[in-house]
Amino acid sequence: FPIEKLYGEVVLVRLDSVLLLDPLGLFSCSRKRTLSTIKYLYKAGGK
């Protein structure tokens, strides 16, 4: 998806809260990808 088209757009991201808040860190790779996606969308100007 072209990054310039994300600016100002509302982007729905479905995430599993276990990935972010798992106290044992079993999903650390998935957590990094999830956070990376959210940060990418945010920095591109997406809501």
All heavy atoms as atom14 arrays in JSON, in Angstrom:
{
  "sequence": "FPIEKLYGEVVLVRLDSVLLLDPLGLFSCSRKRTLSTIKYLYKAGGK",
  "atom14_mask": [
    [1, 1, 1, 1, 1, 1, 1, 1, 1, 1, 1, 0, 0, 0],
    [1, 1, 1, 1, 1, 1, 1, 0, 0, 0, 0, 0, 0, 0],
    [1, 1, 1, 1, 1, 1, 1, 1, 0, 0, 0, 0, 0, 0],
    [1, 1, 1, 1, 1, 1, 1, 1, 1, 0, 0, 0, 0, 0],
    [1, 1, 1, 1, 1, 1, 1, 1, 1, 0, 0, 0, 0, 0],
    [1, 1, 1, 1, 1, 1, 1, 1, 0, 0, 0, 0, 0, 0],
    [1, 1, 1, 1, 1, 1, 1, 1, 1, 1, 1, 1, 0, 0],
    [1, 1, 1, 1, 0, 0, 0, 0, 0, 0, 0, 0, 0, 0],
    [1, 1, 1, 1, 1, 1, 1, 1, 1, 0, 0, 0, 0, 0],
    [1, 1, 1, 1, 1, 1, 1, 0, 0, 0, 0, 0, 0, 0],
    [1, 1, 1, 1, 1, 1, 1, 0, 0, 0, 0, 0, 0, 0],
    [1, 1, 1, 1, 1, 1, 1, 1, 0, 0, 0, 0, 0, 0],
    [1, 1, 1, 1, 1, 1, 1, 0, 0, 0, 0, 0, 0, 0],
    [1, 1, 1, 1, 1, 1, 1, 1, 1, 1, 1, 0, 0, 0],
    [1, 1, 1, 1, 1, 1, 1, 1, 0, 0, 0, 0, 0, 0],
    [1, 1, 1, 1, 1, 1, 1, 1, 0, 0, 0, 0, 0, 0],
    [1, 1, 1, 1, 1, 1, 0, 0, 0, 0, 0, 0, 0, 0],
    [1, 1, 1, 1, 1, 1, 1, 0, 0, 0, 0, 0, 0, 0],
    [1, 1, 1, 1, 1, 1, 1, 1, 0, 0, 0, 0, 0, 0],
    [1, 1, 1, 1, 1, 1, 1, 1, 0, 0, 0, 0, 0, 0],
    [1, 1, 1, 1, 1, 1, 1, 1, 0, 0, 0, 0, 0, 0],
    [1, 1, 1, 1, 1, 1, 1, 1, 0, 0, 0, 0, 0, 0],
    [1, 1, 1, 1, 1, 1, 1, 0, 0, 0, 0, 0, 0, 0],
    [1, 1, 1, 1, 1, 1, 1, 1, 0, 0, 0, 0, 0, 0],
    [1, 1, 1, 1, 0, 0, 0, 0, 0, 0, 0, 0, 0, 0],
    [1, 1, 1, 1, 1, 1, 1, 1, 0, 0, 0, 0, 0, 0],
    [1, 1, 1, 1, 1, 1, 1, 1, 1, 1, 1, 0, 0, 0],
    [1, 1, 1, 1, 1, 1, 0, 0, 0, 0, 0, 0, 0, 0],
    [1, 1, 1, 1, 1, 1, 0, 0, 0, 0, 0, 0, 0, 0],
    [1, 1, 1, 1, 1, 1, 0, 0, 0, 0, 0, 0, 0, 0],
    [1, 1, 1, 1, 1, 1, 1, 1, 1, 1, 1, 0, 0, 0],
    [1, 1, 1, 1, 1, 1, 1, 1, 1, 0, 0, 0, 0, 0],
    [1, 1, 1, 1, 1, 1, 1, 1, 1, 1, 1, 0, 0, 0],
    [1, 1, 1, 1, 1, 1, 1, 0, 0, 0, 0, 0, 0, 0],
    [1, 1, 1, 1, 1, 1, 1, 1, 0, 0, 0, 0, 0, 0],
    [1, 1, 1, 1, 1, 1, 0, 0, 0, 0, 0, 0, 0, 0],
    [1, 1, 1, 1, 1, 1, 1, 0, 0, 0, 0, 0, 0, 0],
    [1, 1, 1, 1, 1, 1, 1, 1, 0, 0, 0, 0, 0, 0],
    [1, 1, 1, 1, 1, 1, 1, 1, 1, 0, 0, 0, 0, 0],
    [1, 1, 1, 1, 1, 1, 1, 1, 1, 1, 1, 1, 0, 0],
    [1, 1, 1, 1, 1, 1, 1, 1, 0, 0, 0, 0, 0, 0],
    [1, 1, 1, 1, 1, 1, 1, 1, 1, 1, 1, 1, 0, 0],
    [1, 1, 1, 1, 1, 1, 1, 1, 1, 0, 0, 0, 0, 0],
    [1, 1, 1, 1, 1, 0, 0, 0, 0, 0, 0, 0, 0, 0],
    [1, 1, 1, 1, 0, 0, 0, 0, 0, 0, 0, 0, 0, 0],
    [1, 1, 1, 1, 0, 0, 0, 0, 0, 0, 0, 0, 0, 0],
    [1, 1, 1, 1, 1, 1, 1, 1, 1, 0, 0, 0, 0, 0]
  ],
  "atom14_positions": [
    [[0.84, -1.19, 0.0], [0.0, 0.0, 0.0], [0.88, 1.25, 0.0], [1.81, 1.35, 0.81], [-0.9, 0.0, 1.24], [-2.04, 0.94, 1.15], [-3.2, 0.57, 0.49], [-1.97, 2.19, 1.73], [-4.28, 1.43, 0.41], [-3.04, 3.06, 1.65], [-4.2, 2.68, 0.99], [0.0, 0.0, 0.0], [0.0, 0.0, 0.0], [0.0, 0.0, 0.0]],
    [[0.61, 2.21, -0.89], [1.43, 3.43, -0.95], [1.35, 4.23, 0.35], [0.26, 4.56, 0.81], [0.82, 4.23, -2.1], [-0.02, 3.26, -2.86], [-0.43, 2.2, -1.91], [0.0, 0.0, 0.0], [0.0, 0.0, 0.0], [0.0, 0.0, 0.0], [0.0, 0.0, 0.0], [0.0, 0.0, 0.0], [0.0, 0.0, 0.0], [0.0, 0.0, 0.0]],
    [[2.48, 4.53, 0.93], [2.54, 5.22, 2.23], [1.87, 6.59, 2.18], [1.24, 7.01, 3.14], [3.98, 5.32, 2.75], [3.99, 5.76, 4.22], [4.82, 6.24, 1.89], [5.33, 5.63, 4.89], [0.0, 0.0, 0.0], [0.0, 0.0, 0.0], [0.0, 0.0, 0.0], [0.0, 0.0, 0.0], [0.0, 0.0, 0.0], [0.0, 0.0, 0.0]],
    [[1.97, 7.27, 1.06], [1.38, 8.61, 0.96], [-0.15, 8.58, 1.03], [-0.78, 9.58, 1.36], [1.84, 9.34, -0.31], [1.47, 8.64, -1.6], [2.46, 7.59, -2.06], [3.47, 7.34, -1.39], [2.19, 7.0, -3.12], [0.0, 0.0, 0.0], [0.0, 0.0, 0.0], [0.0, 0.0, 0.0], [0.0, 0.0, 0.0], [0.0, 0.0, 0.0]],
    [[-0.75, 7.45, 0.77], [-2.21, 7.33, 0.85], [-2.7, 7.06, 2.27], [-3.89, 7.08, 2.53], [-2.71, 6.23, -0.08], [-2.6, 6.6, -1.54], [-3.3, 5.58, -2.39], [-3.26, 6.02, -3.86], [-4.01, 5.09, -4.71], [0.0, 0.0, 0.0], [0.0, 0.0, 0.0], [0.0, 0.0, 0.0], [0.0, 0.0, 0.0], [0.0, 0.0, 0.0]],
    [[-1.79, 6.82, 3.2], [-2.18, 6.56, 4.58], [-2.46, 7.83, 5.37], [-3.2, 7.81, 6.35], [-1.08, 5.76, 5.3], [-0.9, 4.33, 4.84], [0.35, 3.73, 5.47], [-2.12, 3.51, 5.17], [0.0, 0.0, 0.0], [0.0, 0.0, 0.0], [0.0, 0.0, 0.0], [0.0, 0.0, 0.0], [0.0, 0.0, 0.0], [0.0, 0.0, 0.0]],
    [[-1.89, 8.94, 4.95], [-2.01, 10.19, 5.7], [-3.48, 10.58, 5.85], [-4.21, 10.71, 4.87], [-1.24, 11.33, 5.02], [-1.25, 12.58, 5.85], [-0.37, 12.73, 6.91], [-2.16, 13.58, 5.6], [-0.38, 13.86, 7.68], [-2.19, 14.73, 6.37], [-1.29, 14.86, 7.42], [-1.33, 15.98, 8.2], [0.0, 0.0, 0.0], [0.0, 0.0, 0.0]],
    [[-3.9, 10.74, 7.09], [-5.26, 11.18, 7.39], [-6.32, 10.08, 7.33], [-7.47, 10.31, 7.66], [0.0, 0.0, 0.0], [0.0, 0.0, 0.0], [0.0, 0.0, 0.0], [0.0, 0.0, 0.0], [0.0, 0.0, 0.0], [0.0, 0.0, 0.0], [0.0, 0.0, 0.0], [0.0, 0.0, 0.0], [0.0, 0.0, 0.0], [0.0, 0.0, 0.0]],
    [[-5.92, 8.9, 6.91], [-6.88, 7.79, 6.81], [-7.02, 7.07, 8.15], [-6.07, 6.97, 8.91], [-6.42, 6.78, 5.76], [-6.43, 7.32, 4.35], [-7.82, 7.67, 3.85], [-8.78, 6.95, 4.18], [-7.94, 8.67, 3.13], [0.0, 0.0, 0.0], [0.0, 0.0, 0.0], [0.0, 0.0, 0.0], [0.0, 0.0, 0.0], [0.0, 0.0, 0.0]],
    [[-8.21, 6.58, 8.41], [-8.44, 5.77, 9.6], [-8.11, 4.33, 9.23], [-8.63, 3.79, 8.26], [-9.9, 5.87, 10.08], [-10.15, 4.95, 11.26], [-10.25, 7.31, 10.43], [0.0, 0.0, 0.0], [0.0, 0.0, 0.0], [0.0, 0.0, 0.0], [0.0, 0.0, 0.0], [0.0, 0.0, 0.0], [0.0, 0.0, 0.0], [0.0, 0.0, 0.0]],
    [[-7.21, 3.73, 10.01], [-6.76, 2.37, 9.74], [-7.14, 1.49, 10.94], [-6.73, 1.76, 12.07], [-5.24, 2.31, 9.5], [-4.8, 0.91, 9.17], [-4.82, 3.29, 8.43], [0.0, 0.0, 0.0], [0.0, 0.0, 0.0], [0.0, 0.0, 0.0], [0.0, 0.0, 0.0], [0.0, 0.0, 0.0], [0.0, 0.0, 0.0], [0.0, 0.0, 0.0]],
    [[-7.93, 0.47, 10.7], [-8.34, -0.47, 11.73], [-7.31, -1.58, 11.85], [-6.97, -2.23, 10.86], [-9.71, -1.06, 11.37], [-10.28, -2.07, 12.34], [-10.75, -1.35, 13.6], [-11.44, -2.8, 11.7], [0.0, 0.0, 0.0], [0.0, 0.0, 0.0], [0.0, 0.0, 0.0], [0.0, 0.0, 0.0], [0.0, 0.0, 0.0], [0.0, 0.0, 0.0]],
    [[-6.78, -1.76, 13.05], [-5.79, -2.8, 13.31], [-6.35, -3.73, 14.37], [-6.65, -3.3, 15.49], [-4.44, -2.21, 13.79], [-3.46, -3.32, 14.13], [-3.87, -1.27, 12.76], [0.0, 0.0, 0.0], [0.0, 0.0, 0.0], [0.0, 0.0, 0.0], [0.0, 0.0, 0.0], [0.0, 0.0, 0.0], [0.0, 0.0, 0.0], [0.0, 0.0, 0.0]],
    [[-6.51, -4.98, 14.03], [-6.99, -5.99, 14.97], [-5.77, -6.63, 15.6], [-4.87, -7.11, 14.92], [-7.8, -7.02, 14.2], [-8.62, -8.12, 14.86], [-8.34, -8.5, 16.16], [-8.99, -9.7, 16.67], [-8.44, -10.37, 17.65], [-7.27, -10.01, 18.1], [-9.04, -11.38, 18.17], [0.0, 0.0, 0.0], [0.0, 0.0, 0.0], [0.0, 0.0, 0.0]],
    [[-5.69, -6.55, 16.93], [-4.55, -7.15, 17.6], [-5.0, -7.96, 18.79], [-6.07, -7.74, 19.34], [-3.53, -6.09, 18.03], [-3.94, -5.18, 19.18], [-3.11, -5.53, 20.4], [-3.73, -3.74, 18.8], [0.0, 0.0, 0.0], [0.0, 0.0, 0.0], [0.0, 0.0, 0.0], [0.0, 0.0, 0.0], [0.0, 0.0, 0.0], [0.0, 0.0, 0.0]],
    [[-4.19, -8.89, 19.16], [-4.45, -9.71, 20.33], [-3.67, -9.1, 21.48], [-2.44, -9.01, 21.43], [-3.99, -11.14, 20.05], [-4.4, -12.11, 21.14], [-4.79, -11.65, 22.24], [-4.33, -13.32, 20.9], [0.0, 0.0, 0.0], [0.0, 0.0, 0.0], [0.0, 0.0, 0.0], [0.0, 0.0, 0.0], [0.0, 0.0, 0.0], [0.0, 0.0, 0.0]],
    [[-4.36, -8.67, 22.52], [-3.69, -8.01, 23.64], [-2.66, -8.92, 24.31], [-1.72, -8.45, 24.93], [-4.72, -7.53, 24.67], [-5.51, -8.61, 25.1], [0.0, 0.0, 0.0], [0.0, 0.0, 0.0], [0.0, 0.0, 0.0], [0.0, 0.0, 0.0], [0.0, 0.0, 0.0], [0.0, 0.0, 0.0], [0.0, 0.0, 0.0], [0.0, 0.0, 0.0]],
    [[-2.81, -10.22, 24.16], [-1.84, -11.15, 24.72], [-0.46, -10.93, 24.09], [0.56, -11.05, 24.76], [-2.3, -12.62, 24.52], [-1.25, -13.6, 24.99], [-3.61, -12.85, 25.23], [0.0, 0.0, 0.0], [0.0, 0.0, 0.0], [0.0, 0.0, 0.0], [0.0, 0.0, 0.0], [0.0, 0.0, 0.0], [0.0, 0.0, 0.0], [0.0, 0.0, 0.0]],
    [[-0.43, -10.59, 22.82], [0.86, -10.35, 22.16], [1.63, -9.22, 22.81], [2.85, -9.29, 22.96], [0.64, -10.0, 20.68], [0.16, -11.1, 19.76], [-0.04, -10.54, 18.36], [1.13, -12.25, 19.74], [0.0, 0.0, 0.0], [0.0, 0.0, 0.0], [0.0, 0.0, 0.0], [0.0, 0.0, 0.0], [0.0, 0.0, 0.0], [0.0, 0.0, 0.0]],
    [[0.93, -8.18, 23.19], [1.61, -7.02, 23.76], [1.88, -7.16, 25.25], [2.83, -6.61, 25.77], [0.76, -5.76, 23.53], [0.56, -5.34, 22.09], [-0.36, -4.15, 22.02], [1.89, -5.03, 21.45], [0.0, 0.0, 0.0], [0.0, 0.0, 0.0], [0.0, 0.0, 0.0], [0.0, 0.0, 0.0], [0.0, 0.0, 0.0], [0.0, 0.0, 0.0]],
    [[1.02, -7.89, 25.94], [1.09, -7.88, 27.39], [1.43, -9.23, 28.01], [1.32, -9.4, 29.21], [-0.25, -7.39, 27.94], [-0.65, -6.02, 27.41], [-2.07, -5.69, 27.81], [0.3, -4.96, 27.91], [0.0, 0.0, 0.0], [0.0, 0.0, 0.0], [0.0, 0.0, 0.0], [0.0, 0.0, 0.0], [0.0, 0.0, 0.0], [0.0, 0.0, 0.0]],
    [[1.85, -10.16, 27.21], [2.21, -11.48, 27.71], [3.37, -11.36, 28.68], [4.47, -10.95, 28.3], [2.59, -12.4, 26.54], [3.1, -13.74, 27.01], [2.52, -14.28, 27.96], [4.07, -14.23, 26.43], [0.0, 0.0, 0.0], [0.0, 0.0, 0.0], [0.0, 0.0, 0.0], [0.0, 0.0, 0.0], [0.0, 0.0, 0.0], [0.0, 0.0, 0.0]],
    [[3.16, -11.7, 29.95], [4.22, -11.52, 30.94], [5.42, -12.45, 30.73], [6.5, -12.16, 31.19], [3.52, -11.83, 32.27], [2.37, -12.68, 31.9], [1.95, -12.26, 30.51], [0.0, 0.0, 0.0], [0.0, 0.0, 0.0], [0.0, 0.0, 0.0], [0.0, 0.0, 0.0], [0.0, 0.0, 0.0], [0.0, 0.0, 0.0], [0.0, 0.0, 0.0]],
    [[5.23, -13.54, 30.03], [6.32, -14.48, 29.82], [7.14, -14.19, 28.57], [8.18, -14.79, 28.35], [5.77, -15.92, 29.75], [5.01, -16.38, 30.99], [4.42, -17.76, 30.76], [5.89, -16.36, 32.21], [0.0, 0.0, 0.0], [0.0, 0.0, 0.0], [0.0, 0.0, 0.0], [0.0, 0.0, 0.0], [0.0, 0.0, 0.0], [0.0, 0.0, 0.0]],
    [[6.66, -13.3, 27.73], [7.38, -12.94, 26.52], [7.42, -14.03, 25.47], [8.33, -14.08, 24.66], [0.0, 0.0, 0.0], [0.0, 0.0, 0.0], [0.0, 0.0, 0.0], [0.0, 0.0, 0.0], [0.0, 0.0, 0.0], [0.0, 0.0, 0.0], [0.0, 0.0, 0.0], [0.0, 0.0, 0.0], [0.0, 0.0, 0.0], [0.0, 0.0, 0.0]],
    [[6.44, -14.92, 25.49], [6.42, -16.03, 24.54], [6.19, -15.57, 23.11], [6.54, -16.26, 22.17], [5.33, -17.04, 24.94], [5.5, -17.71, 26.29], [4.28, -18.57, 26.61], [6.76, -18.56, 26.31], [0.0, 0.0, 0.0], [0.0, 0.0, 0.0], [0.0, 0.0, 0.0], [0.0, 0.0, 0.0], [0.0, 0.0, 0.0], [0.0, 0.0, 0.0]],
    [[5.6, -14.39, 22.97], [5.25, -13.9, 21.64], [6.1, -12.68, 21.26], [5.64, -11.79, 20.57], [3.77, -13.52, 21.6], [2.85, -14.63, 21.96], [2.24, -14.67, 23.19], [2.61, -15.66, 21.07], [1.37, -15.7, 23.53], [1.76, -16.7, 21.39], [1.13, -16.72, 22.64], [0.0, 0.0, 0.0], [0.0, 0.0, 0.0], [0.0, 0.0, 0.0]],
    [[7.35, -12.64, 21.69], [8.16, -11.43, 21.49], [8.35, -11.08, 20.02], [8.35, -9.91, 19.66], [9.5, -11.56, 22.2], [10.24, -12.63, 21.65], [0.0, 0.0, 0.0], [0.0, 0.0, 0.0], [0.0, 0.0, 0.0], [0.0, 0.0, 0.0], [0.0, 0.0, 0.0], [0.0, 0.0, 0.0], [0.0, 0.0, 0.0], [0.0, 0.0, 0.0]],
    [[8.49, -12.06, 19.14], [8.65, -11.78, 17.71], [7.37, -11.18, 17.14], [7.4, -10.18, 16.42], [9.03, -13.05, 16.97], [9.45, -12.79, 15.25], [0.0, 0.0, 0.0], [0.0, 0.0, 0.0], [0.0, 0.0, 0.0], [0.0, 0.0, 0.0], [0.0, 0.0, 0.0], [0.0, 0.0, 0.0], [0.0, 0.0, 0.0], [0.0, 0.0, 0.0]],
    [[6.25, -11.75, 17.49], [4.96, -11.22, 17.04], [4.72, -9.84, 17.63], [4.16, -8.97, 16.98], [3.82, -12.16, 17.45], [3.93, -13.38, 16.78], [0.0, 0.0, 0.0], [0.0, 0.0, 0.0], [0.0, 0.0, 0.0], [0.0, 0.0, 0.0], [0.0, 0.0, 0.0], [0.0, 0.0, 0.0], [0.0, 0.0, 0.0], [0.0, 0.0, 0.0]],
    [[5.13, -9.64, 18.87], [4.96, -8.34, 19.52], [5.75, -7.27, 18.77], [5.24, -6.18, 18.52], [5.45, -8.43, 20.96], [5.36, -7.13, 21.72], [5.95, -7.24, 23.09], [6.22, -8.61, 23.43], [6.16, -9.12, 24.65], [5.88, -8.36, 25.65], [6.44, -10.38, 24.87], [0.0, 0.0, 0.0], [0.0, 0.0, 0.0], [0.0, 0.0, 0.0]],
    [[6.97, -7.58, 18.37], [7.79, -6.61, 17.63], [7.15, -6.26, 16.3], [7.12, -5.1, 15.9], [9.2, -7.17, 17.41], [10.03, -7.22, 18.66], [11.38, -7.84, 18.38], [12.15, -8.01, 19.67], [13.43, -8.69, 19.48], [0.0, 0.0, 0.0], [0.0, 0.0, 0.0], [0.0, 0.0, 0.0], [0.0, 0.0, 0.0], [0.0, 0.0, 0.0]],
    [[6.62, -7.26, 15.6], [5.96, -7.0, 14.32], [4.69, -6.17, 14.51], [4.42, -5.26, 13.72], [5.63, -8.32, 13.61], [6.83, -8.99, 13.01], [6.43, -10.12, 12.09], [5.56, -11.07, 12.76], [5.89, -12.31, 13.09], [7.08, -12.76, 12.78], [5.05, -13.11, 13.69], [0.0, 0.0, 0.0], [0.0, 0.0, 0.0], [0.0, 0.0, 0.0]],
    [[3.93, -6.48, 15.55], [2.71, -5.73, 15.82], [3.02, -4.27, 16.13], [2.42, -3.36, 15.55], [1.94, -6.36, 16.99], [1.61, -7.7, 16.66], [0.69, -5.59, 17.31], [0.0, 0.0, 0.0], [0.0, 0.0, 0.0], [0.0, 0.0, 0.0], [0.0, 0.0, 0.0], [0.0, 0.0, 0.0], [0.0, 0.0, 0.0], [0.0, 0.0, 0.0]],
    [[3.96, -4.04, 17.02], [4.34, -2.67, 17.36], [4.93, -1.94, 16.17], [4.69, -0.75, 15.98], [5.32, -2.67, 18.54], [4.73, -3.1, 19.87], [5.82, -3.19, 20.93], [3.62, -2.17, 20.32], [0.0, 0.0, 0.0], [0.0, 0.0, 0.0], [0.0, 0.0, 0.0], [0.0, 0.0, 0.0], [0.0, 0.0, 0.0], [0.0, 0.0, 0.0]],
    [[5.69, -2.65, 15.36], [6.27, -2.05, 14.16], [5.18, -1.58, 13.2], [5.26, -0.49, 12.63], [7.19, -3.07, 13.49], [7.67, -2.57, 12.27], [0.0, 0.0, 0.0], [0.0, 0.0, 0.0], [0.0, 0.0, 0.0], [0.0, 0.0, 0.0], [0.0, 0.0, 0.0], [0.0, 0.0, 0.0], [0.0, 0.0, 0.0], [0.0, 0.0, 0.0]],
    [[4.15, -2.4, 13.03], [3.04, -2.03, 12.15], [2.31, -0.81, 12.67], [2.02, 0.13, 11.92], [2.05, -3.21, 12.02], [2.73, -4.31, 11.42], [0.85, -2.84, 11.18], [0.0, 0.0, 0.0], [0.0, 0.0, 0.0], [0.0, 0.0, 0.0], [0.0, 0.0, 0.0], [0.0, 0.0, 0.0], [0.0, 0.0, 0.0], [0.0, 0.0, 0.0]],
    [[2.02, -0.79, 13.96], [1.3, 0.35, 14.56], [2.14, 1.62, 14.42], [1.62, 2.68, 14.04], [0.97, 0.06, 16.03], [-0.03, -1.1, 16.12], [0.4, 1.3, 16.71], [-0.22, -1.66, 17.51], [0.0, 0.0, 0.0], [0.0, 0.0, 0.0], [0.0, 0.0, 0.0], [0.0, 0.0, 0.0], [0.0, 0.0, 0.0], [0.0, 0.0, 0.0]],
    [[3.43, 1.53, 14.71], [4.31, 2.7, 14.59], [4.38, 3.18, 13.14], [4.36, 4.38, 12.88], [5.71, 2.37, 15.09], [5.8, 2.25, 16.58], [7.22, 1.88, 17.01], [7.32, 1.69, 18.49], [8.66, 1.34, 18.93], [0.0, 0.0, 0.0], [0.0, 0.0, 0.0], [0.0, 0.0, 0.0], [0.0, 0.0, 0.0], [0.0, 0.0, 0.0]],
    [[4.48, 2.27, 12.21], [4.55, 2.62, 10.79], [3.31, 3.41, 10.37], [3.41, 4.45, 9.73], [4.69, 1.34, 9.96], [4.67, 1.57, 8.47], [5.82, 1.97, 7.8], [3.5, 1.39, 7.74], [5.81, 2.18, 6.43], [3.48, 1.6, 6.37], [4.64, 1.99, 5.72], [4.62, 2.2, 4.37], [0.0, 0.0, 0.0], [0.0, 0.0, 0.0]],
    [[2.15, 2.9, 10.74], [0.9, 3.57, 10.39], [0.81, 4.95, 11.04], [0.4, 5.93, 10.41], [-0.3, 2.71, 10.81], [-0.47, 1.41, 10.06], [-1.5, 0.53, 10.75], [-0.88, 1.68, 8.61], [0.0, 0.0, 0.0], [0.0, 0.0, 0.0], [0.0, 0.0, 0.0], [0.0, 0.0, 0.0], [0.0, 0.0, 0.0], [0.0, 0.0, 0.0]],
    [[1.21, 5.03, 12.29], [1.15, 6.29, 13.02], [2.09, 7.33, 12.41], [1.71, 8.47, 12.18], [1.5, 6.05, 14.49], [1.48, 7.29, 15.33], [0.28, 7.85, 15.73], [2.66, 7.91, 15.72], [0.25, 9.0, 16.5], [2.65, 9.06, 16.49], [1.44, 9.59, 16.88], [1.43, 10.75, 17.63], [0.0, 0.0, 0.0], [0.0, 0.0, 0.0]],
    [[3.31, 6.92, 12.11], [4.29, 7.84, 11.53], [3.92, 8.26, 10.11], [4.31, 9.32, 9.65], [5.69, 7.22, 11.55], [6.27, 7.15, 12.94], [7.65, 6.54, 12.95], [8.19, 6.49, 14.35], [9.53, 5.91, 14.41], [0.0, 0.0, 0.0], [0.0, 0.0, 0.0], [0.0, 0.0, 0.0], [0.0, 0.0, 0.0], [0.0, 0.0, 0.0]],
    [[3.14, 7.41, 9.42], [2.68, 7.74, 8.07], [1.51, 8.73, 8.11], [1.07, 9.2, 7.07], [2.27, 6.48, 7.33], [0.0, 0.0, 0.0], [0.0, 0.0, 0.0], [0.0, 0.0, 0.0], [0.0, 0.0, 0.0], [0.0, 0.0, 0.0], [0.0, 0.0, 0.0], [0.0, 0.0, 0.0], [0.0, 0.0, 0.0], [0.0, 0.0, 0.0]],
    [[1.05, 9.05, 9.31], [-0.05, 10.02, 9.44], [-1.43, 9.39, 9.48], [-2.42, 10.09, 9.42], [0.0, 0.0, 0.0], [0.0, 0.0, 0.0], [0.0, 0.0, 0.0], [0.0, 0.0, 0.0], [0.0, 0.0, 0.0], [0.0, 0.0, 0.0], [0.0, 0.0, 0.0], [0.0, 0.0, 0.0], [0.0, 0.0, 0.0], [0.0, 0.0, 0.0]],
    [[-1.46, 8.08, 9.6], [-2.75, 7.4, 9.7], [-3.32, 7.52, 11.1], [-2.6, 7.68, 12.07], [0.0, 0.0, 0.0], [0.0, 0.0, 0.0], [0.0, 0.0, 0.0], [0.0, 0.0, 0.0], [0.0, 0.0, 0.0], [0.0, 0.0, 0.0], [0.0, 0.0, 0.0], [0.0, 0.0, 0.0], [0.0, 0.0, 0.0], [0.0, 0.0, 0.0]],
    [[-4.62, 7.48, 11.19], [-5.31, 7.48, 12.48], [-5.57, 6.02, 12.82], [-6.42, 5.38, 12.22], [-6.6, 8.28, 12.4], [-6.34, 9.73, 12.08], [-7.61, 10.48, 11.85], [-7.25, 11.9, 11.44], [-8.38, 12.64, 10.97], [0.0, 0.0, 0.0], [0.0, 0.0, 0.0], [0.0, 0.0, 0.0], [0.0, 0.0, 0.0], [0.0, 0.0, 0.0]]
  ]
}
